Amino acid sequence: MFDVALTDAGAKVVLATASDEKHPPEHMIDGSEETFWSSTGLFPQEFVISFSGLMNINAVNLKTYQIHKMSIERSVQAEPIDFEILEEKEFTVTDMALQVEDFTFDEATAATHLRFVVKSGYDHFISVHQVSVDGTAARQ
């Protein structure tokens, strides 16, 4: 498994609808559960992760807190446009523990960008501690 969503792998958070200088969006892809991105309230919230190139995505693993409903969308364009929904999910509330959610895809799904849309939360504020994407560079 290779995490193509790590900063060290060339991934970048190119959009986030909220930003707190103590908990910036880049914390989601730094490889640590200890750091996180937090929303500033109100929904929906979203963020877009762009890869270093076209990737075949096998699975996405999220470690979050207080998310209720979320969708994951992909784009294969050079710019983060023309997204299509891969999956929508309702998360189970956890009591003072991180939510761990896995999204797997039957066939490798190509993506240059992934958009995550948090449609609602169990609280006004949510956090995303880690986004891991199991993938490989796609042959073009």
N, C-alpha and C. Protein backbone atom coordinates (compact mmCIF):
# COMPACT_ATOMS: atom_id res chain seq x y z
N MET A 1 0.84 -1.18 0.00
CA MET A 1 0.00 0.00 0.00
C MET A 1 0.88 1.23 0.00
N PHE A 2 0.58 2.17 -0.87
CA PHE A 2 1.29 3.44 -0.92
C PHE A 2 0.28 4.56 -0.75
N ASP A 3 0.51 5.42 0.24
CA ASP A 3 -0.40 6.51 0.52
C ASP A 3 -0.07 7.69 -0.41
N VAL A 4 -0.84 7.82 -1.47
CA VAL A 4 -0.61 8.89 -2.45
C VAL A 4 -1.11 10.24 -1.99
N ALA A 5 -1.77 10.29 -0.82
CA ALA A 5 -2.30 11.55 -0.30
C ALA A 5 -1.36 12.23 0.68
N LEU A 6 -0.17 11.70 0.88
CA LEU A 6 0.77 12.33 1.78
C LEU A 6 1.45 13.54 1.13
N THR A 7 1.73 14.53 1.93
CA THR A 7 2.51 15.67 1.45
C THR A 7 3.83 15.17 0.87
N ASP A 8 4.44 14.20 1.54
CA ASP A 8 5.72 13.64 1.08
C ASP A 8 5.61 12.95 -0.27
N ALA A 9 4.39 12.56 -0.67
CA ALA A 9 4.18 11.91 -1.97
C ALA A 9 3.82 12.93 -3.05
N GLY A 10 3.80 14.20 -2.68
CA GLY A 10 3.49 15.25 -3.66
C GLY A 10 2.06 15.74 -3.64
N ALA A 11 1.23 15.23 -2.73
CA ALA A 11 -0.17 15.67 -2.64
C ALA A 11 -0.25 17.04 -1.97
N LYS A 12 -1.32 17.77 -2.32
CA LYS A 12 -1.54 19.10 -1.76
C LYS A 12 -3.02 19.30 -1.48
N VAL A 13 -3.32 20.02 -0.43
CA VAL A 13 -4.69 20.47 -0.20
C VAL A 13 -4.82 21.78 -0.95
N VAL A 14 -5.59 21.76 -2.04
CA VAL A 14 -5.70 22.94 -2.89
C VAL A 14 -6.91 23.81 -2.57
N LEU A 15 -7.83 23.28 -1.74
CA LEU A 15 -9.00 24.05 -1.33
C LEU A 15 -9.49 23.52 0.00
N ALA A 16 -9.82 24.43 0.88
CA ALA A 16 -10.50 24.09 2.14
C ALA A 16 -11.40 25.26 2.47
N THR A 17 -12.63 24.96 2.86
CA THR A 17 -13.59 26.04 3.11
C THR A 17 -13.41 26.68 4.47
N ALA A 18 -12.52 26.13 5.29
CA ALA A 18 -12.24 26.71 6.60
C ALA A 18 -10.74 26.61 6.84
N SER A 19 -10.24 27.56 7.61
CA SER A 19 -8.82 27.51 7.94
C SER A 19 -8.59 28.18 9.28
N ASP A 20 -7.86 27.50 10.12
CA ASP A 20 -7.48 27.99 11.43
C ASP A 20 -5.96 27.88 11.47
N GLU A 21 -5.28 28.95 11.81
CA GLU A 21 -3.81 28.91 11.75
C GLU A 21 -3.20 27.84 12.65
N LYS A 22 -3.91 27.43 13.71
CA LYS A 22 -3.40 26.36 14.58
C LYS A 22 -3.70 24.97 14.02
N HIS A 23 -4.71 24.89 13.16
CA HIS A 23 -5.14 23.59 12.60
C HIS A 23 -5.39 23.73 11.10
N PRO A 24 -4.33 23.97 10.32
CA PRO A 24 -4.49 24.20 8.88
C PRO A 24 -4.83 22.93 8.11
N PRO A 25 -5.37 23.07 6.90
CA PRO A 25 -5.77 21.92 6.09
C PRO A 25 -4.62 20.94 5.81
N GLU A 26 -3.41 21.43 5.73
CA GLU A 26 -2.26 20.56 5.42
C GLU A 26 -2.05 19.48 6.48
N HIS A 27 -2.58 19.69 7.67
CA HIS A 27 -2.44 18.70 8.73
C HIS A 27 -3.13 17.37 8.39
N MET A 28 -4.13 17.41 7.51
CA MET A 28 -4.85 16.17 7.14
C MET A 28 -3.96 15.19 6.39
N ILE A 29 -2.93 15.70 5.72
CA ILE A 29 -2.12 14.83 4.86
C ILE A 29 -0.64 14.81 5.28
N ASP A 30 -0.39 15.13 6.56
CA ASP A 30 1.00 15.11 7.04
C ASP A 30 1.40 13.75 7.61
N GLY A 31 0.46 12.79 7.66
CA GLY A 31 0.77 11.44 8.12
C GLY A 31 0.61 11.23 9.61
N SER A 32 0.16 12.23 10.33
CA SER A 32 0.02 12.13 11.78
C SER A 32 -1.44 12.24 12.20
N GLU A 33 -1.85 11.41 13.15
CA GLU A 33 -3.20 11.52 13.73
C GLU A 33 -3.27 12.63 14.76
N GLU A 34 -2.13 13.05 15.26
CA GLU A 34 -2.08 14.05 16.32
C GLU A 34 -2.41 15.45 15.82
N THR A 35 -2.15 15.73 14.55
CA THR A 35 -2.48 17.03 13.98
C THR A 35 -3.79 16.89 13.22
N PHE A 36 -4.48 18.00 13.00
CA PHE A 36 -5.78 17.92 12.33
C PHE A 36 -6.18 19.26 11.73
N TRP A 37 -7.17 19.19 10.83
CA TRP A 37 -7.84 20.36 10.27
C TRP A 37 -9.19 20.44 10.96
N SER A 38 -9.59 21.64 11.35
CA SER A 38 -10.92 21.78 11.96
C SER A 38 -11.74 22.78 11.17
N SER A 39 -13.04 22.52 11.16
CA SER A 39 -13.95 23.44 10.48
C SER A 39 -14.23 24.62 11.40
N THR A 40 -14.83 25.63 10.85
CA THR A 40 -15.20 26.81 11.62
C THR A 40 -16.70 26.87 11.83
N GLY A 41 -17.36 25.72 11.79
CA GLY A 41 -18.81 25.68 11.96
C GLY A 41 -19.51 25.77 10.62
N LEU A 42 -20.81 25.75 10.62
CA LEU A 42 -21.65 25.80 9.42
C LEU A 42 -21.32 24.68 8.44
N PHE A 43 -22.33 24.21 7.78
CA PHE A 43 -22.16 23.14 6.79
C PHE A 43 -22.88 23.54 5.52
N PRO A 44 -22.43 23.07 4.36
CA PRO A 44 -21.37 22.08 4.16
C PRO A 44 -19.97 22.70 4.28
N GLN A 45 -19.01 21.84 4.56
CA GLN A 45 -17.59 22.16 4.53
C GLN A 45 -16.97 21.24 3.49
N GLU A 46 -15.91 21.67 2.85
CA GLU A 46 -15.27 20.79 1.88
C GLU A 46 -13.78 21.07 1.78
N PHE A 47 -13.08 20.06 1.26
CA PHE A 47 -11.67 20.23 0.96
C PHE A 47 -11.33 19.36 -0.24
N VAL A 48 -10.32 19.80 -0.99
CA VAL A 48 -9.88 19.10 -2.19
C VAL A 48 -8.40 18.77 -2.04
N ILE A 49 -8.08 17.50 -2.28
CA ILE A 49 -6.69 17.04 -2.29
C ILE A 49 -6.33 16.74 -3.73
N SER A 50 -5.22 17.33 -4.18
CA SER A 50 -4.72 17.09 -5.53
C SER A 50 -3.46 16.25 -5.45
N PHE A 51 -3.37 15.27 -6.34
CA PHE A 51 -2.22 14.37 -6.38
C PHE A 51 -1.18 14.89 -7.35
N SER A 52 -0.01 14.29 -7.34
CA SER A 52 1.07 14.71 -8.22
C SER A 52 0.80 14.36 -9.68
N GLY A 53 -0.19 13.52 -9.92
CA GLY A 53 -0.59 13.11 -11.26
C GLY A 53 -1.82 12.23 -11.16
N LEU A 54 -2.20 11.60 -12.26
CA LEU A 54 -3.35 10.70 -12.26
C LEU A 54 -3.01 9.45 -11.46
N MET A 55 -3.86 9.09 -10.50
CA MET A 55 -3.64 7.94 -9.63
C MET A 55 -4.80 6.96 -9.74
N ASN A 56 -4.48 5.67 -9.62
CA ASN A 56 -5.50 4.65 -9.45
C ASN A 56 -5.75 4.53 -7.96
N ILE A 57 -6.99 4.80 -7.56
CA ILE A 57 -7.36 4.82 -6.15
C ILE A 57 -8.06 3.51 -5.80
N ASN A 58 -7.50 2.79 -4.83
CA ASN A 58 -8.11 1.53 -4.38
C ASN A 58 -8.95 1.70 -3.12
N ALA A 59 -8.49 2.59 -2.23
CA ALA A 59 -9.19 2.77 -0.96
C ALA A 59 -8.87 4.14 -0.38
N VAL A 60 -9.79 4.63 0.44
CA VAL A 60 -9.60 5.87 1.18
C VAL A 60 -9.90 5.56 2.64
N ASN A 61 -9.02 5.98 3.54
CA ASN A 61 -9.22 5.80 4.97
C ASN A 61 -9.23 7.18 5.61
N LEU A 62 -10.26 7.44 6.41
CA LEU A 62 -10.40 8.73 7.08
C LEU A 62 -10.42 8.54 8.58
N LYS A 63 -9.72 9.42 9.28
CA LYS A 63 -9.79 9.48 10.74
C LYS A 63 -10.31 10.87 11.06
N THR A 64 -11.52 10.93 11.60
CA THR A 64 -12.23 12.19 11.77
C THR A 64 -12.87 12.26 13.14
N TYR A 65 -13.50 13.40 13.40
CA TYR A 65 -14.24 13.57 14.66
C TYR A 65 -15.49 14.39 14.39
N GLN A 66 -16.63 13.87 14.81
CA GLN A 66 -17.94 14.52 14.78
C GLN A 66 -18.55 14.71 13.39
N ILE A 67 -18.06 14.01 12.37
CA ILE A 67 -18.69 14.09 11.04
C ILE A 67 -19.93 13.21 11.03
N HIS A 68 -21.01 13.71 10.45
CA HIS A 68 -22.25 12.95 10.33
C HIS A 68 -22.40 12.40 8.91
N LYS A 69 -22.44 13.27 7.92
CA LYS A 69 -22.59 12.83 6.52
C LYS A 69 -21.50 13.45 5.65
N MET A 70 -20.94 12.60 4.76
CA MET A 70 -19.87 13.06 3.88
C MET A 70 -19.97 12.36 2.53
N SER A 71 -19.53 13.07 1.49
CA SER A 71 -19.38 12.43 0.19
C SER A 71 -17.94 12.60 -0.28
N ILE A 72 -17.50 11.64 -1.09
CA ILE A 72 -16.19 11.72 -1.73
C ILE A 72 -16.43 11.76 -3.23
N GLU A 73 -15.78 12.71 -3.88
CA GLU A 73 -15.94 12.90 -5.32
C GLU A 73 -14.56 12.90 -5.97
N ARG A 74 -14.52 12.57 -7.26
CA ARG A 74 -13.24 12.55 -7.97
C ARG A 74 -13.29 13.39 -9.23
N SER A 75 -12.10 13.83 -9.64
CA SER A 75 -11.93 14.51 -10.92
C SER A 75 -10.69 13.93 -11.56
N VAL A 76 -10.75 13.74 -12.88
CA VAL A 76 -9.59 13.24 -13.62
C VAL A 76 -9.00 14.35 -14.49
N GLN A 77 -9.53 15.56 -14.34
CA GLN A 77 -9.06 16.70 -15.13
C GLN A 77 -7.73 17.22 -14.57
N ALA A 78 -7.02 17.99 -15.37
CA ALA A 78 -5.77 18.60 -14.91
C ALA A 78 -6.03 19.61 -13.79
N GLU A 79 -7.14 20.32 -13.88
CA GLU A 79 -7.57 21.26 -12.83
C GLU A 79 -8.68 20.60 -12.02
N PRO A 80 -8.88 21.00 -10.77
CA PRO A 80 -9.94 20.39 -9.94
C PRO A 80 -11.35 20.87 -10.32
N ILE A 81 -11.84 20.32 -11.44
CA ILE A 81 -13.18 20.64 -11.94
C ILE A 81 -13.86 19.35 -12.36
N ASP A 82 -15.15 19.43 -12.69
CA ASP A 82 -15.92 18.29 -13.21
C ASP A 82 -15.86 17.07 -12.29
N PHE A 83 -16.22 17.26 -11.03
CA PHE A 83 -16.20 16.17 -10.06
C PHE A 83 -17.42 15.27 -10.23
N GLU A 84 -17.23 14.00 -9.95
CA GLU A 84 -18.33 13.04 -9.91
C GLU A 84 -18.28 12.28 -8.59
N ILE A 85 -19.44 11.99 -8.04
CA ILE A 85 -19.53 11.33 -6.73
C ILE A 85 -19.06 9.89 -6.83
N LEU A 86 -18.16 9.52 -5.92
CA LEU A 86 -17.72 8.13 -5.80
C LEU A 86 -18.56 7.41 -4.75
N GLU A 87 -18.78 8.08 -3.61
CA GLU A 87 -19.53 7.46 -2.53
C GLU A 87 -20.01 8.50 -1.55
N GLU A 88 -21.18 8.22 -0.94
CA GLU A 88 -21.72 9.04 0.13
C GLU A 88 -21.91 8.13 1.33
N LYS A 89 -21.67 8.67 2.51
CA LYS A 89 -21.73 7.82 3.69
C LYS A 89 -22.19 8.61 4.90
N GLU A 90 -22.92 7.92 5.77
CA GLU A 90 -23.29 8.47 7.06
C GLU A 90 -22.39 7.82 8.10
N PHE A 91 -21.67 8.63 8.85
CA PHE A 91 -20.72 8.14 9.84
C PHE A 91 -21.43 7.85 11.16
N THR A 92 -20.89 6.93 11.91
CA THR A 92 -21.40 6.61 13.24
C THR A 92 -20.76 7.57 14.23
N VAL A 93 -21.58 8.10 15.14
CA VAL A 93 -21.06 8.99 16.16
C VAL A 93 -20.20 8.18 17.14
N THR A 94 -19.11 8.77 17.56
CA THR A 94 -18.24 8.13 18.56
C THR A 94 -18.15 9.06 19.75
N ASP A 95 -17.96 8.49 20.90
CA ASP A 95 -17.90 9.28 22.11
C ASP A 95 -16.45 9.51 22.49
N MET A 96 -15.94 10.70 22.18
CA MET A 96 -14.58 11.09 22.53
C MET A 96 -13.49 10.25 21.85
N ALA A 97 -13.83 9.59 20.76
CA ALA A 97 -12.84 8.81 20.01
C ALA A 97 -12.92 9.21 18.55
N LEU A 98 -11.84 8.99 17.83
CA LEU A 98 -11.85 9.29 16.41
C LEU A 98 -12.75 8.31 15.66
N GLN A 99 -13.42 8.82 14.65
CA GLN A 99 -14.17 7.97 13.73
C GLN A 99 -13.17 7.44 12.71
N VAL A 100 -13.21 6.16 12.44
CA VAL A 100 -12.35 5.56 11.42
C VAL A 100 -13.26 4.99 10.35
N GLU A 101 -13.19 5.57 9.16
CA GLU A 101 -14.07 5.16 8.06
C GLU A 101 -13.23 4.75 6.87
N ASP A 102 -13.57 3.61 6.29
CA ASP A 102 -12.88 3.10 5.11
C ASP A 102 -13.84 3.10 3.93
N PHE A 103 -13.34 3.56 2.81
CA PHE A 103 -14.06 3.53 1.54
C PHE A 103 -13.21 2.69 0.61
N THR A 104 -13.75 1.59 0.11
CA THR A 104 -12.99 0.77 -0.84
C THR A 104 -13.74 0.74 -2.16
N PHE A 105 -12.97 0.56 -3.21
CA PHE A 105 -13.52 0.57 -4.55
C PHE A 105 -13.21 -0.76 -5.21
N ASP A 106 -14.24 -1.38 -5.83
CA ASP A 106 -14.08 -2.70 -6.44
C ASP A 106 -12.98 -2.72 -7.49
N GLU A 107 -12.95 -1.73 -8.31
CA GLU A 107 -11.92 -1.62 -9.32
C GLU A 107 -11.12 -0.36 -9.04
N ALA A 108 -9.90 -0.34 -9.47
CA ALA A 108 -9.11 0.88 -9.28
C ALA A 108 -9.83 2.04 -9.96
N THR A 109 -9.99 3.10 -9.23
CA THR A 109 -10.68 4.29 -9.72
C THR A 109 -9.66 5.38 -9.95
N ALA A 110 -9.58 5.90 -11.15
CA ALA A 110 -8.60 6.94 -11.46
C ALA A 110 -9.07 8.29 -10.92
N ALA A 111 -8.11 9.07 -10.43
CA ALA A 111 -8.40 10.42 -9.95
C ALA A 111 -7.13 11.25 -9.94
N THR A 112 -7.28 12.51 -10.28
CA THR A 112 -6.20 13.48 -10.13
C THR A 112 -6.47 14.33 -8.90
N HIS A 113 -7.76 14.46 -8.56
CA HIS A 113 -8.19 15.25 -7.41
C HIS A 113 -9.33 14.51 -6.71
N LEU A 114 -9.36 14.59 -5.39
CA LEU A 114 -10.49 14.09 -4.61
C LEU A 114 -11.08 15.25 -3.83
N ARG A 115 -12.41 15.37 -3.90
CA ARG A 115 -13.12 16.39 -3.12
C ARG A 115 -13.92 15.67 -2.05
N PHE A 116 -13.81 16.16 -0.83
CA PHE A 116 -14.54 15.62 0.31
C PHE A 116 -15.51 16.69 0.77
N VAL A 117 -16.80 16.36 0.77
CA VAL A 117 -17.83 17.32 1.16
C VAL A 117 -18.49 16.83 2.44
N VAL A 118 -18.28 17.57 3.52
CA VAL A 118 -18.90 17.27 4.81
C VAL A 118 -20.25 17.97 4.81
N LYS A 119 -21.30 17.17 4.68
CA LYS A 119 -22.64 17.74 4.55
C LYS A 119 -23.25 18.12 5.89
N SER A 120 -22.88 17.38 6.95
CA SER A 120 -23.37 17.70 8.28
C SER A 120 -22.46 17.06 9.32
N GLY A 121 -22.58 17.58 10.53
CA GLY A 121 -21.79 17.07 11.65
C GLY A 121 -22.67 16.79 12.84
N TYR A 122 -22.12 16.07 13.80
CA TYR A 122 -22.83 15.81 15.05
C TYR A 122 -22.67 16.98 16.01
N ASP A 123 -21.82 17.93 15.65
CA ASP A 123 -21.58 19.13 16.43
C ASP A 123 -21.36 20.27 15.43
N HIS A 124 -21.22 21.47 15.94
CA HIS A 124 -20.98 22.61 15.04
C HIS A 124 -19.60 22.54 14.40
N PHE A 125 -18.65 21.95 15.11
CA PHE A 125 -17.29 21.86 14.62
C PHE A 125 -16.91 20.40 14.40
N ILE A 126 -16.19 20.15 13.33
CA ILE A 126 -15.71 18.81 13.03
C ILE A 126 -14.19 18.91 12.83
N SER A 127 -13.53 17.74 12.84
CA SER A 127 -12.10 17.75 12.53
C SER A 127 -11.77 16.53 11.68
N VAL A 128 -10.76 16.71 10.84
CA VAL A 128 -10.24 15.63 10.02
C VAL A 128 -8.78 15.48 10.42
N HIS A 129 -8.46 14.33 11.00
CA HIS A 129 -7.12 14.09 11.52
C HIS A 129 -6.20 13.46 10.49
N GLN A 130 -6.74 12.60 9.67
CA GLN A 130 -5.88 11.94 8.68
C GLN A 130 -6.70 11.48 7.49
N VAL A 131 -6.17 11.73 6.31
CA VAL A 131 -6.72 11.22 5.06
C VAL A 131 -5.63 10.37 4.43
N SER A 132 -5.90 9.09 4.26
CA SER A 132 -4.96 8.18 3.60
C SER A 132 -5.62 7.63 2.35
N VAL A 133 -4.87 7.61 1.26
CA VAL A 133 -5.40 7.11 -0.01
C VAL A 133 -4.46 6.06 -0.54
N ASP A 134 -4.94 4.83 -0.60
CA ASP A 134 -4.17 3.73 -1.14
C ASP A 134 -4.26 3.80 -2.66
N GLY A 135 -3.13 4.00 -3.32
CA GLY A 135 -3.15 4.14 -4.76
C GLY A 135 -1.80 3.97 -5.39
N THR A 136 -1.82 4.01 -6.70
CA THR A 136 -0.60 3.92 -7.51
C THR A 136 -0.74 4.85 -8.70
N ALA A 137 0.37 5.25 -9.23
CA ALA A 137 0.35 6.12 -10.41
C ALA A 137 -0.28 5.37 -11.57
N ALA A 138 -1.18 6.03 -12.28
CA ALA A 138 -1.87 5.43 -13.41
C ALA A 138 -0.99 5.56 -14.65
N ARG A 139 -1.03 4.55 -15.48
CA ARG A 139 -0.30 4.63 -16.76
C ARG A 139 -1.18 5.39 -17.74
N GLN A 140 -0.56 6.31 -18.42
CA GLN A 140 -1.34 7.13 -19.34
C GLN A 140 -1.01 6.80 -20.78
